[in-house]
Amino acid sequence: MKRYLNMALLYAVFAMAGGVFYREFTKFNGFTAATTLSVVHTHYFLLGMVFFLLLSLLEKSNPFSNTKTRRVLAVYHIGLNLTNVMLAVRGVTQVLAFPLSSGMDAAISGVAGIGHILLGVSTILLLLQIKAAA
């Protein structure tokens, strides 16, 4: 349970850093339009902090953690961070009006998509583990 609370705290810090970076980076560059940078903050808060806070509550009421859970959560961490890094990359290119080739644009979207797939699959696997332990 303590591991989940530590992860929640870490992702809360990441969320705050993402929010501050979004605000200051766009302000410094005089950018006022919509940008993907704005969702890095919310992704880390909801899929990071809130997710792990909920896991800690579930673990306390119905222990489900084992070796398989650690592997599934490792994939979850990879997916969440990969997604957020690509959201940040996309947002920075939007703010700086960096011209992207169609290949580079597709690569950013593709890697972010892989991150989302990892998040989705690991979430389903984790829910199945929680269900089995109930």
N, C-alpha and C. Protein backbone atom coordinates (compact mmCIF):
# COMPACT_ATOMS: atom_id res chain seq x y z
N MET A 1 0.82 -1.19 0.00
CA MET A 1 0.00 0.00 0.00
C MET A 1 0.87 1.26 0.00
N LYS A 2 1.96 1.23 0.76
CA LYS A 2 2.84 2.39 0.82
C LYS A 2 3.45 2.69 -0.56
N ARG A 3 3.74 1.65 -1.32
CA ARG A 3 4.30 1.83 -2.67
C ARG A 3 3.31 2.61 -3.54
N TYR A 4 2.02 2.29 -3.43
CA TYR A 4 1.01 2.99 -4.22
C TYR A 4 0.90 4.45 -3.79
N LEU A 5 0.98 4.70 -2.50
CA LEU A 5 0.93 6.08 -2.02
C LEU A 5 2.16 6.87 -2.48
N ASN A 6 3.32 6.22 -2.50
CA ASN A 6 4.52 6.89 -3.00
C ASN A 6 4.39 7.22 -4.48
N MET A 7 3.81 6.31 -5.25
CA MET A 7 3.60 6.56 -6.67
C MET A 7 2.60 7.70 -6.87
N ALA A 8 1.56 7.74 -6.05
CA ALA A 8 0.58 8.83 -6.14
C ALA A 8 1.26 10.17 -5.88
N LEU A 9 2.12 10.21 -4.89
CA LEU A 9 2.85 11.43 -4.57
C LEU A 9 3.78 11.83 -5.73
N LEU A 10 4.49 10.88 -6.28
CA LEU A 10 5.39 11.16 -7.40
C LEU A 10 4.62 11.72 -8.60
N TYR A 11 3.49 11.10 -8.92
CA TYR A 11 2.72 11.58 -10.07
C TYR A 11 2.06 12.93 -9.78
N ALA A 12 1.75 13.22 -8.52
CA ALA A 12 1.24 14.55 -8.17
C ALA A 12 2.31 15.61 -8.45
N VAL A 13 3.56 15.29 -8.12
CA VAL A 13 4.67 16.21 -8.39
C VAL A 13 4.84 16.38 -9.90
N PHE A 14 4.77 15.27 -10.66
CA PHE A 14 4.86 15.36 -12.12
C PHE A 14 3.73 16.22 -12.69
N ALA A 15 2.53 16.05 -12.14
CA ALA A 15 1.38 16.82 -12.61
C ALA A 15 1.60 18.31 -12.36
N MET A 16 2.07 18.64 -11.17
CA MET A 16 2.34 20.04 -10.85
C MET A 16 3.41 20.61 -11.78
N ALA A 17 4.46 19.85 -12.00
CA ALA A 17 5.53 20.30 -12.88
C ALA A 17 5.00 20.49 -14.31
N GLY A 18 4.17 19.57 -14.77
CA GLY A 18 3.58 19.70 -16.10
C GLY A 18 2.70 20.93 -16.22
N GLY A 19 1.93 21.21 -15.18
CA GLY A 19 1.08 22.39 -15.19
C GLY A 19 1.88 23.68 -15.19
N VAL A 20 2.90 23.73 -14.37
CA VAL A 20 3.75 24.93 -14.32
C VAL A 20 4.48 25.11 -15.65
N PHE A 21 5.00 24.02 -16.20
CA PHE A 21 5.69 24.12 -17.49
C PHE A 21 4.75 24.64 -18.57
N TYR A 22 3.54 24.10 -18.63
CA TYR A 22 2.54 24.55 -19.62
C TYR A 22 2.29 26.05 -19.48
N ARG A 23 2.01 26.47 -18.27
CA ARG A 23 1.67 27.89 -18.05
C ARG A 23 2.84 28.80 -18.39
N GLU A 24 4.01 28.48 -17.89
CA GLU A 24 5.15 29.36 -18.09
C GLU A 24 5.70 29.31 -19.51
N PHE A 25 5.72 28.14 -20.11
CA PHE A 25 6.26 28.00 -21.46
C PHE A 25 5.38 28.74 -22.46
N THR A 26 4.06 28.60 -22.33
CA THR A 26 3.18 29.30 -23.26
C THR A 26 3.21 30.81 -23.02
N LYS A 27 3.30 31.21 -21.76
CA LYS A 27 3.36 32.65 -21.45
C LYS A 27 4.66 33.25 -21.98
N PHE A 28 5.77 32.55 -21.77
CA PHE A 28 7.08 33.04 -22.23
C PHE A 28 7.11 33.20 -23.75
N ASN A 29 6.43 32.30 -24.45
CA ASN A 29 6.42 32.34 -25.91
C ASN A 29 5.24 33.13 -26.48
N GLY A 30 4.41 33.72 -25.63
CA GLY A 30 3.28 34.52 -26.09
C GLY A 30 2.25 33.71 -26.85
N PHE A 31 2.09 32.45 -26.46
CA PHE A 31 1.18 31.53 -27.15
C PHE A 31 -0.16 31.52 -26.43
N THR A 32 -1.25 31.78 -27.15
CA THR A 32 -2.56 31.84 -26.50
C THR A 32 -3.56 30.81 -27.05
N ALA A 33 -3.22 30.11 -28.09
CA ALA A 33 -4.13 29.11 -28.68
C ALA A 33 -4.10 27.82 -27.86
N ALA A 34 -4.95 26.89 -28.24
CA ALA A 34 -4.98 25.58 -27.57
C ALA A 34 -3.73 24.79 -27.92
N THR A 35 -3.23 24.05 -26.95
CA THR A 35 -2.05 23.22 -27.16
C THR A 35 -2.18 21.92 -26.37
N THR A 36 -1.55 20.90 -26.85
CA THR A 36 -1.57 19.59 -26.19
C THR A 36 -0.86 19.63 -24.84
N LEU A 37 -0.03 20.63 -24.62
CA LEU A 37 0.65 20.74 -23.32
C LEU A 37 -0.33 20.84 -22.16
N SER A 38 -1.51 21.36 -22.43
CA SER A 38 -2.48 21.56 -21.35
C SER A 38 -2.99 20.25 -20.75
N VAL A 39 -2.90 19.14 -21.49
CA VAL A 39 -3.43 17.88 -20.96
C VAL A 39 -2.39 17.03 -20.24
N VAL A 40 -1.12 17.42 -20.29
CA VAL A 40 -0.10 16.68 -19.54
C VAL A 40 -0.42 16.73 -18.05
N HIS A 41 -0.79 17.90 -17.57
CA HIS A 41 -1.15 18.11 -16.17
C HIS A 41 -2.28 17.18 -15.75
N THR A 42 -3.36 17.15 -16.52
CA THR A 42 -4.52 16.33 -16.14
C THR A 42 -4.26 14.84 -16.29
N HIS A 43 -3.48 14.45 -17.30
CA HIS A 43 -3.15 13.03 -17.44
C HIS A 43 -2.38 12.53 -16.22
N TYR A 44 -1.40 13.31 -15.78
CA TYR A 44 -0.64 12.87 -14.61
C TYR A 44 -1.48 12.89 -13.34
N PHE A 45 -2.37 13.86 -13.21
CA PHE A 45 -3.21 13.88 -12.02
C PHE A 45 -4.18 12.70 -11.99
N LEU A 46 -4.90 12.50 -13.07
CA LEU A 46 -5.92 11.46 -13.06
C LEU A 46 -5.35 10.06 -13.23
N LEU A 47 -4.54 9.86 -14.26
CA LEU A 47 -4.02 8.53 -14.53
C LEU A 47 -2.82 8.17 -13.66
N GLY A 48 -2.26 9.15 -13.00
CA GLY A 48 -1.15 8.90 -12.10
C GLY A 48 -1.59 8.96 -10.65
N MET A 49 -1.80 10.15 -10.15
CA MET A 49 -2.09 10.33 -8.72
C MET A 49 -3.40 9.67 -8.30
N VAL A 50 -4.50 9.99 -8.97
CA VAL A 50 -5.80 9.44 -8.57
C VAL A 50 -5.82 7.93 -8.72
N PHE A 51 -5.27 7.42 -9.81
CA PHE A 51 -5.23 5.98 -10.04
C PHE A 51 -4.53 5.25 -8.90
N PHE A 52 -3.36 5.75 -8.48
CA PHE A 52 -2.61 5.07 -7.44
C PHE A 52 -3.21 5.28 -6.05
N LEU A 53 -3.89 6.41 -5.84
CA LEU A 53 -4.63 6.57 -4.59
C LEU A 53 -5.76 5.55 -4.50
N LEU A 54 -6.46 5.33 -5.60
CA LEU A 54 -7.52 4.32 -5.62
C LEU A 54 -6.96 2.91 -5.42
N LEU A 55 -5.82 2.64 -6.03
CA LEU A 55 -5.19 1.33 -5.83
C LEU A 55 -4.82 1.11 -4.37
N SER A 56 -4.35 2.16 -3.70
CA SER A 56 -3.99 2.00 -2.29
C SER A 56 -5.22 1.69 -1.45
N LEU A 57 -6.34 2.32 -1.76
CA LEU A 57 -7.58 2.01 -1.04
C LEU A 57 -8.04 0.58 -1.31
N LEU A 58 -7.96 0.17 -2.56
CA LEU A 58 -8.33 -1.21 -2.90
C LEU A 58 -7.42 -2.23 -2.23
N GLU A 59 -6.14 -1.92 -2.20
CA GLU A 59 -5.17 -2.83 -1.58
C GLU A 59 -5.45 -2.98 -0.08
N LYS A 60 -5.84 -1.89 0.54
CA LYS A 60 -6.12 -1.94 1.98
C LYS A 60 -7.35 -2.78 2.28
N SER A 61 -8.39 -2.63 1.47
CA SER A 61 -9.63 -3.37 1.74
C SER A 61 -9.60 -4.78 1.19
N ASN A 62 -8.86 -5.01 0.11
CA ASN A 62 -8.82 -6.33 -0.51
C ASN A 62 -7.44 -6.55 -1.14
N PRO A 63 -6.48 -7.08 -0.39
CA PRO A 63 -5.12 -7.23 -0.93
C PRO A 63 -5.10 -8.04 -2.24
N PHE A 64 -4.45 -7.48 -3.22
CA PHE A 64 -4.39 -8.12 -4.54
C PHE A 64 -2.98 -8.13 -5.13
N SER A 65 -2.05 -7.43 -4.52
CA SER A 65 -0.71 -7.27 -5.09
C SER A 65 0.10 -8.55 -5.00
N ASN A 66 0.80 -8.83 -6.09
CA ASN A 66 1.72 -9.96 -6.17
C ASN A 66 2.76 -9.64 -7.25
N THR A 67 3.54 -10.61 -7.62
CA THR A 67 4.59 -10.39 -8.62
C THR A 67 3.99 -10.00 -9.97
N LYS A 68 2.89 -10.63 -10.33
CA LYS A 68 2.25 -10.31 -11.60
C LYS A 68 1.74 -8.86 -11.60
N THR A 69 1.24 -8.42 -10.47
CA THR A 69 0.76 -7.04 -10.36
C THR A 69 1.90 -6.06 -10.60
N ARG A 70 3.07 -6.36 -10.08
CA ARG A 70 4.23 -5.48 -10.28
C ARG A 70 4.59 -5.37 -11.76
N ARG A 71 4.52 -6.49 -12.47
CA ARG A 71 4.83 -6.46 -13.90
C ARG A 71 3.79 -5.65 -14.67
N VAL A 72 2.53 -5.85 -14.33
CA VAL A 72 1.46 -5.10 -15.00
C VAL A 72 1.60 -3.60 -14.71
N LEU A 73 1.93 -3.25 -13.48
CA LEU A 73 2.10 -1.85 -13.13
C LEU A 73 3.35 -1.24 -13.78
N ALA A 74 4.35 -2.05 -14.02
CA ALA A 74 5.53 -1.55 -14.75
C ALA A 74 5.12 -1.14 -16.16
N VAL A 75 4.28 -1.95 -16.79
CA VAL A 75 3.77 -1.61 -18.13
C VAL A 75 2.90 -0.35 -18.05
N TYR A 76 2.11 -0.23 -16.99
CA TYR A 76 1.27 0.95 -16.80
C TYR A 76 2.14 2.21 -16.69
N HIS A 77 3.20 2.14 -15.88
CA HIS A 77 4.11 3.28 -15.73
C HIS A 77 4.73 3.66 -17.08
N ILE A 78 5.17 2.67 -17.83
CA ILE A 78 5.77 2.93 -19.14
C ILE A 78 4.74 3.61 -20.04
N GLY A 79 3.54 3.07 -20.07
CA GLY A 79 2.50 3.63 -20.93
C GLY A 79 2.14 5.06 -20.55
N LEU A 80 1.99 5.32 -19.26
CA LEU A 80 1.62 6.65 -18.79
C LEU A 80 2.71 7.66 -19.12
N ASN A 81 3.95 7.32 -18.83
CA ASN A 81 5.04 8.26 -19.08
C ASN A 81 5.33 8.44 -20.56
N LEU A 82 5.22 7.38 -21.34
CA LEU A 82 5.40 7.49 -22.79
C LEU A 82 4.33 8.40 -23.38
N THR A 83 3.10 8.21 -22.96
CA THR A 83 2.01 9.06 -23.44
C THR A 83 2.26 10.52 -23.09
N ASN A 84 2.64 10.78 -21.86
CA ASN A 84 2.84 12.16 -21.43
C ASN A 84 4.05 12.81 -22.08
N VAL A 85 5.09 12.06 -22.29
CA VAL A 85 6.26 12.62 -22.98
C VAL A 85 5.87 13.02 -24.40
N MET A 86 5.11 12.17 -25.08
CA MET A 86 4.70 12.49 -26.45
C MET A 86 3.70 13.65 -26.48
N LEU A 87 2.84 13.75 -25.46
CA LEU A 87 1.96 14.91 -25.38
C LEU A 87 2.78 16.19 -25.20
N ALA A 88 3.82 16.11 -24.40
CA ALA A 88 4.69 17.26 -24.19
C ALA A 88 5.45 17.62 -25.47
N VAL A 89 5.95 16.61 -26.16
CA VAL A 89 6.66 16.85 -27.42
C VAL A 89 5.72 17.51 -28.43
N ARG A 90 4.52 16.97 -28.55
CA ARG A 90 3.54 17.55 -29.47
C ARG A 90 3.22 19.00 -29.06
N GLY A 91 3.03 19.23 -27.78
CA GLY A 91 2.70 20.57 -27.30
C GLY A 91 3.82 21.58 -27.53
N VAL A 92 5.04 21.17 -27.29
CA VAL A 92 6.18 22.07 -27.51
C VAL A 92 6.29 22.42 -28.99
N THR A 93 6.11 21.45 -29.86
CA THR A 93 6.17 21.75 -31.30
C THR A 93 5.04 22.69 -31.72
N GLN A 94 3.87 22.57 -31.07
CA GLN A 94 2.76 23.48 -31.37
C GLN A 94 3.09 24.90 -30.92
N VAL A 95 3.59 25.03 -29.71
CA VAL A 95 3.89 26.36 -29.17
C VAL A 95 4.99 27.04 -29.98
N LEU A 96 6.01 26.30 -30.35
CA LEU A 96 7.12 26.87 -31.09
C LEU A 96 6.85 26.96 -32.59
N ALA A 97 5.69 26.46 -33.02
CA ALA A 97 5.32 26.42 -34.44
C ALA A 97 6.40 25.73 -35.26
N PHE A 98 6.92 24.65 -34.70
CA PHE A 98 7.97 23.88 -35.34
C PHE A 98 7.37 23.10 -36.51
N PRO A 99 7.88 23.29 -37.71
CA PRO A 99 7.31 22.56 -38.86
C PRO A 99 7.69 21.08 -38.79
N LEU A 100 6.69 20.23 -38.81
CA LEU A 100 6.92 18.79 -38.76
C LEU A 100 6.63 18.17 -40.11
N SER A 101 7.50 17.26 -40.52
CA SER A 101 7.20 16.50 -41.72
C SER A 101 6.04 15.56 -41.41
N SER A 102 5.41 15.05 -42.44
CA SER A 102 4.29 14.14 -42.20
C SER A 102 4.76 12.88 -41.47
N GLY A 103 5.98 12.45 -41.75
CA GLY A 103 6.53 11.28 -41.07
C GLY A 103 6.76 11.53 -39.60
N MET A 104 7.31 12.68 -39.25
CA MET A 104 7.56 13.03 -37.86
C MET A 104 6.24 13.22 -37.11
N ASP A 105 5.27 13.85 -37.77
CA ASP A 105 3.96 14.03 -37.16
C ASP A 105 3.32 12.68 -36.86
N ALA A 106 3.41 11.77 -37.80
CA ALA A 106 2.85 10.42 -37.62
C ALA A 106 3.62 9.65 -36.55
N ALA A 107 4.92 9.86 -36.47
CA ALA A 107 5.72 9.16 -35.46
C ALA A 107 5.33 9.61 -34.05
N ILE A 108 5.13 10.90 -33.86
CA ILE A 108 4.72 11.40 -32.54
C ILE A 108 3.37 10.81 -32.18
N SER A 109 2.43 10.85 -33.12
CA SER A 109 1.10 10.28 -32.86
C SER A 109 1.18 8.78 -32.61
N GLY A 110 2.02 8.10 -33.36
CA GLY A 110 2.15 6.65 -33.21
C GLY A 110 2.72 6.25 -31.86
N VAL A 111 3.75 6.92 -31.41
CA VAL A 111 4.35 6.60 -30.12
C VAL A 111 3.37 6.93 -28.99
N ALA A 112 2.65 8.05 -29.11
CA ALA A 112 1.63 8.38 -28.11
C ALA A 112 0.54 7.31 -28.11
N GLY A 113 0.20 6.81 -29.29
CA GLY A 113 -0.80 5.75 -29.40
C GLY A 113 -0.33 4.47 -28.73
N ILE A 114 0.95 4.14 -28.89
CA ILE A 114 1.50 2.96 -28.22
C ILE A 114 1.40 3.13 -26.71
N GLY A 115 1.70 4.32 -26.22
CA GLY A 115 1.57 4.60 -24.79
C GLY A 115 0.14 4.40 -24.32
N HIS A 116 -0.83 4.87 -25.09
CA HIS A 116 -2.23 4.68 -24.73
C HIS A 116 -2.63 3.21 -24.75
N ILE A 117 -2.12 2.48 -25.71
CA ILE A 117 -2.42 1.04 -25.77
C ILE A 117 -1.86 0.33 -24.54
N LEU A 118 -0.63 0.66 -24.17
CA LEU A 118 -0.04 0.06 -22.97
C LEU A 118 -0.85 0.39 -21.73
N LEU A 119 -1.33 1.63 -21.65
CA LEU A 119 -2.18 2.04 -20.52
C LEU A 119 -3.47 1.22 -20.50
N GLY A 120 -4.10 1.10 -21.64
CA GLY A 120 -5.36 0.38 -21.71
C GLY A 120 -5.23 -1.10 -21.37
N VAL A 121 -4.25 -1.75 -21.96
CA VAL A 121 -4.05 -3.18 -21.71
C VAL A 121 -3.68 -3.43 -20.25
N SER A 122 -2.78 -2.63 -19.71
CA SER A 122 -2.37 -2.84 -18.31
C SER A 122 -3.52 -2.54 -17.35
N THR A 123 -4.37 -1.59 -17.67
CA THR A 123 -5.53 -1.31 -16.82
C THR A 123 -6.48 -2.50 -16.80
N ILE A 124 -6.75 -3.08 -17.95
CA ILE A 124 -7.64 -4.25 -18.02
C ILE A 124 -7.02 -5.42 -17.26
N LEU A 125 -5.73 -5.67 -17.45
CA LEU A 125 -5.07 -6.77 -16.74
C LEU A 125 -5.10 -6.56 -15.23
N LEU A 126 -4.91 -5.33 -14.81
CA LEU A 126 -4.96 -5.02 -13.38
C LEU A 126 -6.36 -5.22 -12.82
N LEU A 127 -7.36 -4.79 -13.54
CA LEU A 127 -8.74 -4.99 -13.09
C LEU A 127 -9.09 -6.47 -12.98
N LEU A 128 -8.57 -7.26 -13.92
CA LEU A 128 -8.80 -8.71 -13.84
C LEU A 128 -8.13 -9.31 -12.61
N GLN A 129 -6.94 -8.82 -12.26
CA GLN A 129 -6.26 -9.29 -11.05
C GLN A 129 -7.03 -8.90 -9.79
N ILE A 130 -7.53 -7.69 -9.77
CA ILE A 130 -8.32 -7.24 -8.61
C ILE A 130 -9.58 -8.07 -8.49
N LYS A 131 -10.22 -8.35 -9.61
CA LYS A 131 -11.44 -9.16 -9.60
C LYS A 131 -11.14 -10.57 -9.08
N ALA A 132 -10.04 -11.15 -9.52
CA ALA A 132 -9.68 -12.50 -9.11
C ALA A 132 -9.39 -12.56 -7.61
N ALA A 133 -8.86 -11.48 -7.04
CA ALA A 133 -8.54 -11.46 -5.62
C ALA A 133 -9.76 -11.20 -4.75
N ALA A 134 -10.82 -10.71 -5.36
CA ALA A 134 -12.03 -10.36 -4.57
C ALA A 134 -12.79 -11.60 -4.12
